Protein backbone atom coordinates (compact mmCIF):
# COMPACT_ATOMS: atom_id res chain seq x y z
CA UNK A 1 85.88 280.41 -57.17
CA UNK A 2 83.52 277.94 -55.53
CA UNK A 3 81.11 275.87 -57.58
CA UNK A 4 77.90 274.78 -55.91
CA UNK A 5 76.40 272.07 -58.07
CA UNK A 6 73.88 269.24 -57.49
CA UNK A 7 75.13 266.83 -54.86
CA UNK A 8 74.21 263.60 -56.50
CA UNK A 9 72.89 262.18 -59.71
CA UNK A 10 73.70 260.42 -62.93
CA UNK A 11 74.97 262.05 -66.11
CA UNK A 12 72.51 261.21 -68.82
CA UNK A 13 73.98 263.00 -71.84
CA UNK A 14 75.80 260.89 -74.38
CA UNK A 15 76.35 257.19 -74.84
CA UNK A 16 78.49 255.09 -72.55
CA UNK A 17 82.23 254.87 -72.97
CA UNK A 18 83.60 252.50 -75.58
CA UNK A 19 85.78 249.62 -74.44
CA UNK A 20 89.32 250.86 -73.83
CA UNK A 21 92.38 249.66 -75.67
CA UNK A 22 94.74 247.99 -73.22
CA UNK A 23 98.46 247.69 -73.72
CA UNK A 24 101.62 247.14 -71.72
CA UNK A 25 104.69 249.23 -72.54
CA UNK A 26 108.25 248.93 -71.35
CA UNK A 27 109.63 252.48 -71.50
CA UNK A 28 113.14 251.60 -70.34
CA UNK A 29 115.08 251.79 -67.07
CA UNK A 30 114.17 254.55 -64.62
CA UNK A 31 116.45 255.71 -61.82
CA UNK A 32 114.37 256.01 -58.65
CA UNK A 33 114.89 258.72 -56.05
CA UNK A 34 116.33 256.15 -53.66
CA UNK A 35 118.99 255.20 -56.20
CA UNK A 36 117.61 251.90 -57.49
CA UNK A 37 117.42 251.32 -61.24
CA UNK A 38 114.09 249.78 -62.22
CA UNK A 39 113.02 248.56 -65.66
CA UNK A 40 109.23 248.54 -65.22
CA UNK A 41 106.36 247.33 -67.31
CA UNK A 42 103.54 249.86 -67.45
CA UNK A 43 99.94 248.83 -68.01
CA UNK A 44 97.73 251.53 -69.54
CA UNK A 45 94.43 252.03 -71.28
CA UNK A 46 93.41 254.49 -73.99
CA UNK A 47 90.09 255.70 -75.37
CA UNK A 48 88.77 258.05 -77.98
CA UNK A 49 89.96 260.06 -80.92
CA UNK A 50 93.50 259.83 -82.27
CA UNK A 51 96.02 262.02 -80.47
CA UNK A 52 96.56 265.35 -82.23
CA UNK A 53 100.11 265.92 -83.49
CA UNK A 54 100.61 268.64 -80.87
CA UNK A 55 98.99 266.54 -78.11
CA UNK A 56 96.43 269.25 -77.41
CA UNK A 57 93.52 266.78 -77.18
CA UNK A 58 95.35 264.27 -74.97
CA UNK A 59 94.07 263.83 -71.42
CA UNK A 60 96.16 261.78 -68.99
CA UNK A 61 93.91 260.45 -66.21
CA UNK A 62 95.62 259.33 -63.01
CA UNK A 63 93.72 257.00 -60.71
CA UNK A 64 93.48 257.21 -56.92
CA UNK A 65 95.33 255.08 -54.37
CA UNK A 66 93.75 251.67 -54.97
CA UNK A 67 92.08 252.39 -58.29
CA UNK A 68 93.26 251.29 -61.71
CA UNK A 69 93.44 252.43 -65.30
CA UNK A 70 89.89 251.32 -66.16
CA UNK A 71 88.22 254.74 -65.99
CA UNK A 72 85.08 253.56 -67.75
CA UNK A 73 83.57 251.37 -70.43
CA UNK A 74 82.92 247.64 -70.60
CA UNK A 75 85.43 245.00 -69.64
CA UNK A 76 86.52 246.32 -66.25
CA UNK A 77 87.65 244.17 -63.32
CA UNK A 78 85.08 242.10 -61.43
CA UNK A 79 84.92 244.51 -58.49
CA UNK A 80 84.24 247.51 -60.76
CA UNK A 81 83.16 246.25 -64.21
CA UNK A 82 82.05 249.66 -65.55
CA UNK A 83 85.09 251.52 -64.24
CA UNK A 84 85.43 254.09 -61.47
CA UNK A 85 84.21 257.14 -63.44
CA UNK A 86 81.87 255.40 -65.91
CA UNK A 87 79.49 258.33 -66.32
CA UNK A 88 82.23 260.87 -67.01
CA UNK A 89 83.82 259.26 -70.06
CA UNK A 90 82.22 258.63 -73.44
CA UNK A 91 80.64 260.58 -76.30
CA UNK A 92 79.12 263.85 -75.09
CA UNK A 93 80.51 263.48 -71.57
CA UNK A 94 83.28 265.54 -69.95
CA UNK A 95 85.93 263.07 -71.13
CA UNK A 96 84.40 263.20 -74.60
CA UNK A 97 85.82 260.32 -76.60
CA UNK A 98 84.67 261.87 -79.88
CA UNK A 99 87.31 264.60 -79.61
CA UNK A 100 89.67 263.66 -76.76
CA UNK A 101 92.38 261.02 -76.59
CA UNK A 102 92.35 259.66 -73.04
CA UNK A 103 95.37 257.83 -71.59
CA UNK A 104 95.20 256.19 -68.15
CA UNK A 105 98.24 254.37 -66.74
CA UNK A 106 98.26 251.94 -63.82
CA UNK A 107 100.49 253.29 -61.08
CA UNK A 108 104.00 252.05 -60.28
CA UNK A 109 103.99 249.95 -57.10
CA UNK A 110 100.38 248.81 -57.47
CA UNK A 111 98.98 245.45 -58.49
CA UNK A 112 96.88 246.21 -61.58
CA UNK A 113 99.46 245.47 -64.26
CA UNK A 114 102.29 247.96 -63.77
CA UNK A 115 105.34 246.63 -61.94
CA UNK A 116 104.93 246.35 -58.17
CA UNK A 117 105.81 244.10 -55.22
CA UNK A 118 103.58 241.28 -56.49
CA UNK A 119 105.18 241.33 -59.97
CA UNK A 120 107.96 239.01 -61.09
CA UNK A 121 111.45 240.41 -60.54
CA UNK A 122 114.18 239.88 -63.18
CA UNK A 123 115.01 236.52 -61.57
CA UNK A 124 111.43 235.33 -62.13
CA UNK A 125 110.52 235.35 -58.45
CA UNK A 126 108.02 237.71 -56.87
CA UNK A 127 109.59 241.05 -55.94
CA UNK A 128 108.13 241.00 -52.42
CA UNK A 129 110.37 242.74 -49.87
CA UNK A 130 113.02 243.33 -52.54
CA UNK A 131 110.82 245.85 -54.35
CA UNK A 132 112.44 249.26 -53.95
CA UNK A 133 110.73 252.09 -52.12
CA UNK A 134 109.01 254.45 -54.54
CA UNK A 135 107.89 258.05 -54.19
CA UNK A 136 105.20 260.01 -55.98
CA UNK A 137 107.96 261.51 -58.12
CA UNK A 138 109.14 258.04 -59.08
CA UNK A 139 105.60 257.07 -60.04
CA UNK A 140 105.34 260.15 -62.23
CA UNK A 141 108.73 259.53 -63.82
CA UNK A 142 107.46 256.11 -64.92
CA UNK A 143 104.11 257.51 -66.13
CA UNK A 144 105.91 260.19 -68.12
CA UNK A 145 108.26 257.62 -69.64
CA UNK A 146 105.26 255.49 -70.63
CA UNK A 147 103.53 258.44 -72.30
CA UNK A 148 106.73 259.25 -74.18
CA UNK A 149 106.82 255.61 -75.30
CA UNK A 150 103.45 256.30 -76.96
CA UNK A 151 105.15 258.99 -79.04
CA UNK A 152 103.76 261.95 -77.08
CA UNK A 153 105.90 264.92 -76.05
CA UNK A 154 103.04 267.19 -74.99
CA UNK A 155 99.59 266.58 -73.51
CA UNK A 156 96.73 268.99 -73.19
CA UNK A 157 95.59 267.94 -69.74
CA UNK A 158 96.64 265.89 -66.74
CA UNK A 159 93.76 265.00 -64.45
CA UNK A 160 94.16 263.18 -61.15
CA UNK A 161 92.15 262.63 -57.99
CA UNK A 162 93.39 261.93 -54.46
CA UNK A 163 96.74 260.10 -54.80
CA UNK A 164 96.30 260.67 -58.55
CA UNK A 165 96.02 264.40 -57.83
CA UNK A 166 99.36 264.27 -56.03
CA UNK A 167 100.85 262.77 -59.16
CA UNK A 168 99.14 265.37 -61.35
CA UNK A 169 100.96 268.12 -59.43
CA UNK A 170 104.29 266.38 -59.97
CA UNK A 171 103.50 266.16 -63.69
CA UNK A 172 103.57 269.95 -63.65
CA UNK A 173 107.12 269.95 -62.28
CA UNK A 174 108.77 267.64 -64.80
CA UNK A 175 109.97 268.66 -68.24
CA UNK A 176 110.00 265.42 -70.26
CA UNK A 177 106.37 265.78 -71.39
CA UNK A 178 104.84 269.24 -71.37
CA UNK A 179 101.39 269.45 -69.76
CA UNK A 180 99.07 272.30 -70.71
CA UNK A 181 96.55 272.14 -67.87
CA UNK A 182 96.61 270.30 -64.55
CA UNK A 183 93.35 269.39 -62.83
CA UNK A 184 94.15 268.41 -59.24
CA UNK A 185 91.19 266.90 -57.40
CA UNK A 186 91.14 266.39 -53.61
CA UNK A 187 94.93 266.44 -53.32
CA UNK A 188 97.38 268.60 -51.35
CA UNK A 189 100.80 270.00 -52.16
CA UNK A 190 102.28 268.08 -49.23
CA UNK A 191 100.97 265.16 -47.18
CA UNK A 192 99.72 266.57 -43.87
CA UNK A 193 100.74 265.18 -40.48
CA UNK A 194 97.19 263.90 -40.07
CA UNK A 195 97.33 262.04 -43.38
CA UNK A 196 100.77 260.60 -42.67
CA UNK A 197 99.69 259.49 -39.20
CA UNK A 198 96.69 257.64 -40.56
CA UNK A 199 98.78 255.93 -43.20
CA UNK A 200 101.33 254.91 -40.55
CA UNK A 201 98.57 253.19 -38.55
CA UNK A 202 97.39 251.35 -41.65
CA UNK A 203 100.95 250.19 -42.31
CA UNK A 204 101.19 248.89 -38.75
CA UNK A 205 97.92 247.00 -39.14
CA UNK A 206 99.39 245.11 -42.11
CA UNK A 207 102.86 244.45 -40.72
CA UNK A 208 101.55 243.31 -37.33
CA UNK A 209 99.75 240.41 -39.02
CA UNK A 210 102.01 237.31 -38.64
CA UNK A 211 101.17 236.36 -42.22
CA UNK A 212 103.01 239.44 -43.48
CA UNK A 213 106.38 237.66 -43.17
CA UNK A 214 108.32 240.78 -43.96
CA UNK A 215 106.60 241.06 -47.33
CA UNK A 216 107.75 237.67 -48.60
CA UNK A 217 104.54 235.77 -48.07
CA UNK A 218 103.38 233.36 -50.79
CA UNK A 219 101.05 234.77 -53.41
CA UNK A 220 97.46 234.43 -52.22
CA UNK A 221 98.49 233.72 -48.63
CA UNK A 222 99.28 237.18 -47.31
CA UNK A 223 98.21 239.18 -44.25
CA UNK A 224 94.49 239.12 -44.96
CA UNK A 225 93.39 240.22 -41.48
CA UNK A 226 95.87 243.08 -41.33
CA UNK A 227 95.08 244.34 -44.81
CA UNK A 228 91.34 244.20 -44.15
CA UNK A 229 91.83 246.21 -40.96
CA UNK A 230 93.90 248.79 -42.81
CA UNK A 231 91.12 249.15 -45.38
CA UNK A 232 88.54 249.62 -42.63
CA UNK A 233 90.68 252.40 -41.14
CA UNK A 234 90.99 254.05 -44.52
CA UNK A 235 87.26 253.93 -45.25
CA UNK A 236 86.51 256.07 -42.20
CA UNK A 237 88.79 258.79 -43.58
CA UNK A 238 87.18 258.62 -47.03
CA UNK A 239 83.74 259.56 -45.69
CA UNK A 240 82.63 262.50 -43.57
CA UNK A 241 81.29 262.22 -40.03
CA UNK A 242 77.99 263.79 -41.14
CA UNK A 243 77.71 261.38 -44.06
CA UNK A 244 78.24 258.38 -41.81
CA UNK A 245 75.74 259.73 -39.30
CA UNK A 246 73.17 260.28 -42.02
CA UNK A 247 73.58 256.70 -43.20
CA UNK A 248 74.20 254.83 -39.95
CA UNK A 249 73.25 257.15 -37.09
CA UNK A 250 70.25 257.04 -34.79
CA UNK A 251 67.03 256.64 -36.73
CA UNK A 252 68.77 256.24 -40.07
CA UNK A 253 67.96 253.42 -42.52
CA UNK A 254 71.34 251.78 -41.81
CA UNK A 255 71.08 251.33 -38.04
CA UNK A 256 71.55 247.98 -36.33
CA UNK A 257 67.81 247.72 -35.74
CA UNK A 258 67.23 247.55 -39.50
CA UNK A 259 69.90 244.93 -40.07
CA UNK A 260 72.76 247.21 -41.08
CA UNK A 261 75.49 249.05 -39.22
CA UNK A 262 78.64 251.01 -39.77
CA UNK A 263 80.56 247.96 -38.55
CA UNK A 264 78.98 245.74 -41.21
CA UNK A 265 79.76 248.37 -43.84
CA UNK A 266 83.41 248.51 -42.78
CA UNK A 267 83.61 244.71 -42.70
CA UNK A 268 82.22 244.51 -46.22
CA UNK A 269 84.83 246.92 -47.55
CA UNK A 270 87.67 245.22 -45.71
CA UNK A 271 86.67 241.74 -46.81
CA UNK A 272 86.10 242.69 -50.45
CA UNK A 273 89.35 244.65 -50.64
CA UNK A 274 91.60 241.74 -49.67
CA UNK A 275 90.18 239.68 -52.53
CA UNK A 276 91.52 242.13 -55.10
CA UNK A 277 94.59 243.81 -53.61
CA UNK A 278 98.10 242.77 -52.64
CA UNK A 279 99.35 243.79 -49.19
CA UNK A 280 102.85 244.63 -50.41
CA UNK A 281 101.42 246.84 -53.13
CA UNK A 282 99.21 248.59 -50.61
CA UNK A 283 102.19 249.44 -48.41
CA UNK A 284 104.23 250.62 -51.39
CA UNK A 285 101.42 252.94 -52.42
CA UNK A 286 100.65 254.40 -48.99
CA UNK A 287 104.37 254.94 -48.37
CA UNK A 288 104.58 256.88 -51.63
CA UNK A 289 101.54 258.91 -50.63
CA UNK A 290 103.07 259.68 -47.23
CA UNK A 291 106.27 260.90 -48.94
CA UNK A 292 104.40 263.46 -51.05
CA UNK A 293 105.88 266.95 -50.83
CA UNK A 294 106.23 269.02 -53.98
CA UNK A 295 108.54 271.39 -52.11
CA UNK A 296 111.12 268.78 -51.13
CA UNK A 297 114.46 269.77 -52.67
CA UNK A 298 112.81 272.66 -54.52
CA UNK A 299 113.01 275.40 -51.92
CA UNK A 300 109.64 274.67 -50.30
CA UNK A 301 106.06 274.39 -51.48
CA UNK A 302 105.54 278.04 -52.50
CA UNK A 303 108.66 278.06 -54.67
CA UNK A 304 107.78 274.72 -56.24
CA UNK A 305 104.22 275.66 -57.13
CA UNK A 306 105.34 279.03 -58.47
CA UNK A 307 107.51 277.06 -60.94
CA UNK A 308 104.53 275.18 -62.43
CA UNK A 309 104.09 276.46 -65.97
CA UNK A 310 100.81 274.68 -66.70
CA UNK A 311 97.42 276.15 -65.93
CA UNK A 312 96.12 274.73 -62.68
CA UNK A 313 92.59 273.97 -61.54
CA UNK A 314 92.39 272.61 -58.01
CA UNK A 315 89.13 270.98 -56.88
CA UNK A 316 88.26 270.42 -53.23
CA UNK A 317 85.35 268.58 -51.61
CA UNK A 318 83.53 270.60 -48.96
CA UNK A 319 83.30 267.81 -46.35
CA UNK A 320 86.67 266.17 -47.04
CA UNK A 321 88.50 265.38 -43.80
CA UNK A 322 91.35 263.44 -45.41
CA UNK A 323 92.46 266.35 -47.60
CA UNK A 324 90.80 269.47 -46.22
CA UNK A 325 89.46 272.01 -48.73
CA UNK A 326 91.89 274.64 -47.45
CA UNK A 327 94.81 272.38 -48.44
CA UNK A 328 93.49 272.22 -51.99
CA UNK A 329 92.72 275.93 -52.04
CA UNK A 330 96.38 276.53 -51.13
CA UNK A 331 97.48 274.60 -54.23
CA UNK A 332 95.42 276.90 -56.45
CA UNK A 333 96.62 280.06 -54.71
CA UNK A 334 100.33 279.24 -54.84
CA UNK A 335 100.19 277.94 -58.42
CA UNK A 336 98.29 280.99 -59.64
CA UNK A 337 95.35 278.80 -60.59
CA UNK A 338 91.67 278.63 -59.79
CA UNK A 339 89.89 276.78 -57.02
CA UNK A 340 86.60 274.97 -57.51
CA UNK A 341 84.64 273.08 -54.89
CA UNK A 342 82.26 270.14 -54.90
CA UNK A 343 79.55 270.57 -52.29
CA UNK A 344 79.03 267.14 -50.76
CA UNK A 345 78.37 265.33 -47.50
CA UNK A 346 80.29 262.30 -48.79
CA UNK A 347 83.74 263.40 -47.64
CA UNK A 348 86.87 262.61 -49.64
CA UNK A 349 84.93 260.12 -51.78
CA UNK A 350 82.82 262.98 -53.08
CA UNK A 351 84.96 262.99 -56.24
CA UNK A 352 83.51 259.51 -56.92
CA UNK A 353 79.96 259.87 -55.61
CA UNK A 354 78.94 263.36 -56.77
CA UNK A 355 78.66 262.61 -60.45
CA UNK A 356 76.73 265.70 -61.56
CA UNK A 357 78.95 268.14 -59.68
CA UNK A 358 82.21 266.56 -60.82
CA UNK A 359 80.93 266.37 -64.40
CA UNK A 360 80.18 270.09 -64.34
CA UNK A 361 83.60 270.95 -63.00
CA UNK A 362 85.46 268.69 -65.42
CA UNK A 363 83.37 270.00 -68.27
CA UNK A 364 84.58 273.53 -67.49
CA UNK A 365 88.21 272.35 -67.49
CA UNK A 366 88.05 270.21 -70.64
CA UNK A 367 85.79 272.45 -72.73
C-alpha cells in the first residue's frame, strides 16, 4: 500500500502538546552484547493520559540519531524548543494526549540525559574512551528495562524513525515488554553498505581532528572541526538531490547570487550542531547504527522478521537516498506487515518535514 498525501503543511486540528513530564530512571545493570556490564541512567519524557492496566494505550516513541526525547510541547532544548514532532502530539493530533500515554526515552550512548560517553563514569570522571561499544540491541535492552521500571509489561505501540526505526524493529524481537504494533519509519532491517560507508567517513572526519585525543578530550574542548564536517556530510544524505537542486540550484532562491548557497547551508548545520552535541556520543551512535542487522545471530533477516509477533507498519519516503524505499518495503514484506509511503522531495528528512503526510499515516496506525 502506498499513501500519496500532501507534501507539506501544518496540522491545525487540536491544541498544542502539553509540557512533558521528565524523569530519570535507573533500571539496573544491563549486560551489553560486547560483554560489558553497564548500570545506566535513562532520561525519558511522558505525556498524556494514564497508562491503561494492559498497556494498550501506551506509545513508545524512539527518536532519530541526534534527536532527543522532547517530541513536542513547551520546554524543549534551545535548538528545538517546541520539539521535533510538535504538530503530531497533543489533543486531537495523531499522538492524541487525551487518550494515549506517550513515553519517549533518550537513547543509550547519546548526550541528552541517558548515559553516554560524556556522562560521569562510576569513578566520577567522564566516560570518554572508556565508554563501551553499544549496538542497537543494547540500546533497546536499556529502553525496555526503563519501560519496565515504569511498571509496564506491555505497550500498544512502538514508533521510531530513522535510527529510532531500527530500534523499533528490535523492540519486536525482544520478549521483556510485549509490543502490539511496530511503526518503523525510514529504517531498514540491516544497515546497507552505502549507509555504513557514509558513517565510516563521518567517523574518520571526527577522529582525524587532533582535538579528538582518542575520545578523552576535556568537556567543551573536543574536535569541533571534525564533528562539524561529519554533520555536513550527514546533511547531504538526509536530503534528496532534487530537493537540494530546487532550493540551491541554478535560478533558485538559494543561489549564491541571492546571498545563499548550499555551502552556507551546510556550514550553518555543522556549526550549530557542535554547540549541542558531544563528539564521543556521535561516534557511539553512528557505530551502533552501522552495526544494525536484525538477522545477526537469528538465521538471517527473513527468519528474524518472520519471528516478529507484533503488527508491523513500515513507512518509506519516496526520495530517501539514505534508506531507500525498497529497503523499507522489504521490512513490511518479510514481517507480514503493510507498507506506506510519504511522497516527498525532501529525502530522508521527509519524516520531519512532511507534517500533513506523516500525520495521516500515523493517524491510520494509532486510530
